[in-house]
N, C-alpha and C. Protein backbone atom coordinates (compact mmCIF):
# COMPACT_ATOMS: atom_id res chain seq x y z
N MET A 1 1.10 -1.63 0.39
CA MET A 1 -0.30 0.24 -0.01
C MET A 1 0.84 1.18 0.01
N GLN A 2 0.62 2.25 -0.70
CA GLN A 2 1.18 3.52 -1.00
C GLN A 2 0.75 4.24 0.88
N PRO A 3 1.44 4.87 0.95
CA PRO A 3 1.28 6.03 2.02
C PRO A 3 0.50 7.22 1.96
N ALA A 4 -0.79 7.65 2.23
CA ALA A 4 -1.35 8.53 1.78
C ALA A 4 -1.00 9.97 1.44
N VAL A 5 -0.24 10.26 2.16
CA VAL A 5 1.12 11.89 1.83
C VAL A 5 2.04 11.24 1.34
N GLN A 6 1.49 12.22 -0.06
CA GLN A 6 2.61 12.15 -1.38
C GLN A 6 3.68 13.12 -0.96
N PRO A 7 4.93 13.09 -1.50
CA PRO A 7 6.12 13.90 -1.00
C PRO A 7 5.46 15.18 -1.38
N GLY A 8 5.69 16.49 -1.08
CA GLY A 8 5.94 17.76 -2.12
C GLY A 8 4.43 18.12 -1.28
N TRP A 9 3.83 16.95 -0.53
CA TRP A 9 2.13 17.36 0.19
C TRP A 9 2.19 17.16 1.77
N SER A 10 2.01 18.49 2.19
CA SER A 10 1.89 18.38 3.97
C SER A 10 0.14 17.95 4.53
N GLN A 11 0.74 17.31 5.55
CA GLN A 11 -0.74 16.94 6.26
C GLN A 11 -1.46 18.36 6.35
N PRO A 12 -2.60 18.29 7.13
CA PRO A 12 -2.87 19.59 7.96
C PRO A 12 -3.03 19.31 9.20
N PRO A 13 -2.80 20.30 10.48
CA PRO A 13 -1.88 19.91 11.12
C PRO A 13 -4.03 19.38 12.66
N ARG A 14 -3.27 18.99 13.27
CA ARG A 14 -4.24 18.07 14.11
C ARG A 14 -5.42 19.05 14.83
N CYS A 15 -6.16 18.82 14.45
CA CYS A 15 -7.86 19.73 14.97
C CYS A 15 -8.40 19.28 15.28
N GLY A 16 -9.32 19.19 16.56
CA GLY A 16 -10.70 18.68 16.74
C GLY A 16 -10.56 17.46 16.81
N LEU A 17 -11.44 16.82 16.45
CA LEU A 17 -11.07 15.64 16.45
C LEU A 17 -10.60 14.30 14.83
N TYR A 18 -10.14 15.49 13.66
CA TYR A 18 -9.47 15.72 12.97
C TYR A 18 -7.61 14.78 13.68
N ASN A 19 -7.06 13.58 13.34
CA ASN A 19 -5.34 13.57 13.65
C ASN A 19 -4.53 13.13 12.73
N PRO A 20 -3.89 13.41 12.31
CA PRO A 20 -3.30 12.75 10.51
C PRO A 20 -2.44 12.01 10.67
N ARG A 21 -2.14 11.24 12.04
CA ARG A 21 -1.56 10.06 12.26
C ARG A 21 -2.67 8.74 11.86
N PHE A 22 -3.52 9.27 11.61
CA PHE A 22 -4.29 8.36 11.39
C PHE A 22 -4.85 8.13 10.01
N GLU A 23 -4.17 9.08 8.91
CA GLU A 23 -4.57 9.15 7.72
C GLU A 23 -4.45 7.36 6.79
N HIS A 24 -4.62 7.60 6.09
CA HIS A 24 -4.42 5.96 5.05
C HIS A 24 -5.79 6.40 4.06
N ASP A 25 -4.86 5.47 2.96
CA ASP A 25 -5.91 5.36 1.81
C ASP A 25 -6.96 5.11 1.70
N ALA A 26 -7.72 5.99 1.36
CA ALA A 26 -9.84 5.12 1.19
C ALA A 26 -10.26 4.87 -0.27
N CYS A 27 -8.95 4.34 -0.73
CA CYS A 27 -9.92 3.50 -1.66
C CYS A 27 -11.21 2.68 -1.58
N GLY A 28 -12.00 2.63 -2.23
CA GLY A 28 -12.73 1.37 -2.03
C GLY A 28 -13.89 2.21 -0.95
N ILE A 29 -13.94 3.44 -0.85
CA ILE A 29 -15.29 3.94 0.06
C ILE A 29 -16.21 4.83 -0.23
N GLY A 30 -17.43 4.30 0.04
CA GLY A 30 -18.35 4.87 -0.30
C GLY A 30 -19.79 5.83 -0.35
N PHE A 31 -20.20 6.80 -0.07
CA PHE A 31 -20.75 7.49 1.07
C PHE A 31 -21.76 7.79 0.42
N VAL A 32 -22.85 8.04 0.55
CA VAL A 32 -24.86 8.39 0.20
C VAL A 32 -25.30 8.89 1.30
N ALA A 33 -25.70 10.35 0.93
CA ALA A 33 -26.94 11.36 2.06
C ALA A 33 -28.04 12.19 1.34
N HIS A 34 -28.73 12.01 1.96
CA HIS A 34 -29.71 13.35 1.14
C HIS A 34 -28.57 14.72 2.34
N VAL A 35 -28.78 16.10 1.47
CA VAL A 35 -27.79 17.06 1.97
C VAL A 35 -29.25 17.34 3.16
N GLU A 36 -29.79 17.03 3.37
CA GLU A 36 -31.37 17.85 4.19
C GLU A 36 -31.24 16.96 5.30
N GLY A 37 -30.38 15.50 5.14
CA GLY A 37 -30.89 14.55 6.61
C GLY A 37 -32.17 14.10 6.48
N ARG A 38 -32.93 14.24 4.96
CA ARG A 38 -33.88 13.15 4.69
C ARG A 38 -33.97 11.72 4.51
N ARG A 39 -34.37 11.03 4.78
CA ARG A 39 -34.64 9.70 4.51
C ARG A 39 -35.80 9.67 3.10
N SER A 40 -34.58 8.36 2.87
CA SER A 40 -35.53 8.32 0.38
C SER A 40 -35.34 7.11 0.05
N HIS A 41 -35.81 6.44 -0.07
CA HIS A 41 -35.15 4.97 -1.10
C HIS A 41 -34.29 5.04 -2.16
N ARG A 42 -34.75 6.37 -2.96
CA ARG A 42 -33.31 6.77 -3.83
C ARG A 42 -32.35 6.89 -3.16
N VAL A 43 -32.05 7.50 -2.29
CA VAL A 43 -30.48 6.86 -1.38
C VAL A 43 -29.97 5.70 -1.27
N LEU A 44 -31.21 5.00 -0.72
CA LEU A 44 -31.00 3.66 -0.27
C LEU A 44 -30.68 2.42 -1.68
N GLU A 45 -31.48 3.26 -2.70
CA GLU A 45 -31.03 2.88 -4.21
C GLU A 45 -29.84 3.10 -4.37
N MET A 46 -29.04 4.11 -4.19
CA MET A 46 -27.64 4.81 -4.23
C MET A 46 -26.64 3.62 -3.43
N GLY A 47 -27.34 4.06 -2.01
CA GLY A 47 -25.90 3.17 -1.41
C GLY A 47 -26.10 1.01 -1.36
N LEU A 48 -26.76 1.22 -1.90
CA LEU A 48 -26.61 -0.10 -3.09
C LEU A 48 -26.17 -0.51 -3.94
N GLU A 49 -26.37 0.41 -4.94
CA GLU A 49 -25.69 0.15 -6.07
C GLU A 49 -23.94 0.67 -5.93
N ALA A 50 -23.81 1.19 -4.87
CA ALA A 50 -22.20 1.64 -4.12
C ALA A 50 -21.69 0.67 -4.08
N LEU A 51 -22.20 -0.38 -3.11
CA LEU A 51 -21.91 -1.36 -2.58
C LEU A 51 -21.72 -2.93 -4.42
N ARG A 52 -22.71 -2.70 -4.80
CA ARG A 52 -22.13 -3.67 -5.51
C ARG A 52 -21.09 -2.92 -6.55
N ASN A 53 -20.97 -1.99 -6.63
CA ASN A 53 -19.73 -1.46 -7.13
C ASN A 53 -18.30 -1.48 -6.86
N HIS A 54 -18.43 -1.40 -5.28
CA HIS A 54 -17.22 -2.21 -4.88
C HIS A 54 -16.64 -2.93 -4.88
N ALA A 55 -18.10 -4.86 -5.08
CA ALA A 55 -18.09 -5.59 -4.89
C ALA A 55 -16.72 -6.63 -5.08
N HIS A 56 -16.08 -6.24 -6.35
CA HIS A 56 -14.87 -6.64 -6.63
C HIS A 56 -13.50 -6.33 -5.54
N ARG A 57 -13.41 -5.27 -4.95
CA ARG A 57 -12.93 -5.36 -3.97
C ARG A 57 -13.10 -5.29 -2.34
N GLY A 58 -13.88 -6.65 -2.50
CA GLY A 58 -14.27 -7.36 -1.06
C GLY A 58 -14.94 -6.61 0.16
N ALA A 59 -15.81 -6.17 -0.77
CA ALA A 59 -16.70 -4.66 0.38
C ALA A 59 -17.70 -5.88 0.74
N VAL A 60 -17.88 -7.06 0.16
CA VAL A 60 -19.64 -7.58 0.47
C VAL A 60 -19.21 -8.69 1.08
């Protein structure tokens, strides 16, 4: 695995809940949400589609 921080790029400093010590590659991450926090069948469908699209990465 390659380090998340590439040469010539500096991480932001530790702030609140963020700690650069825990940075790692985020390949294979999916997140779906309604901007206003509403529940909807469409959001559920999009989440399931994202999961299917990551199956080749062992997500299921």
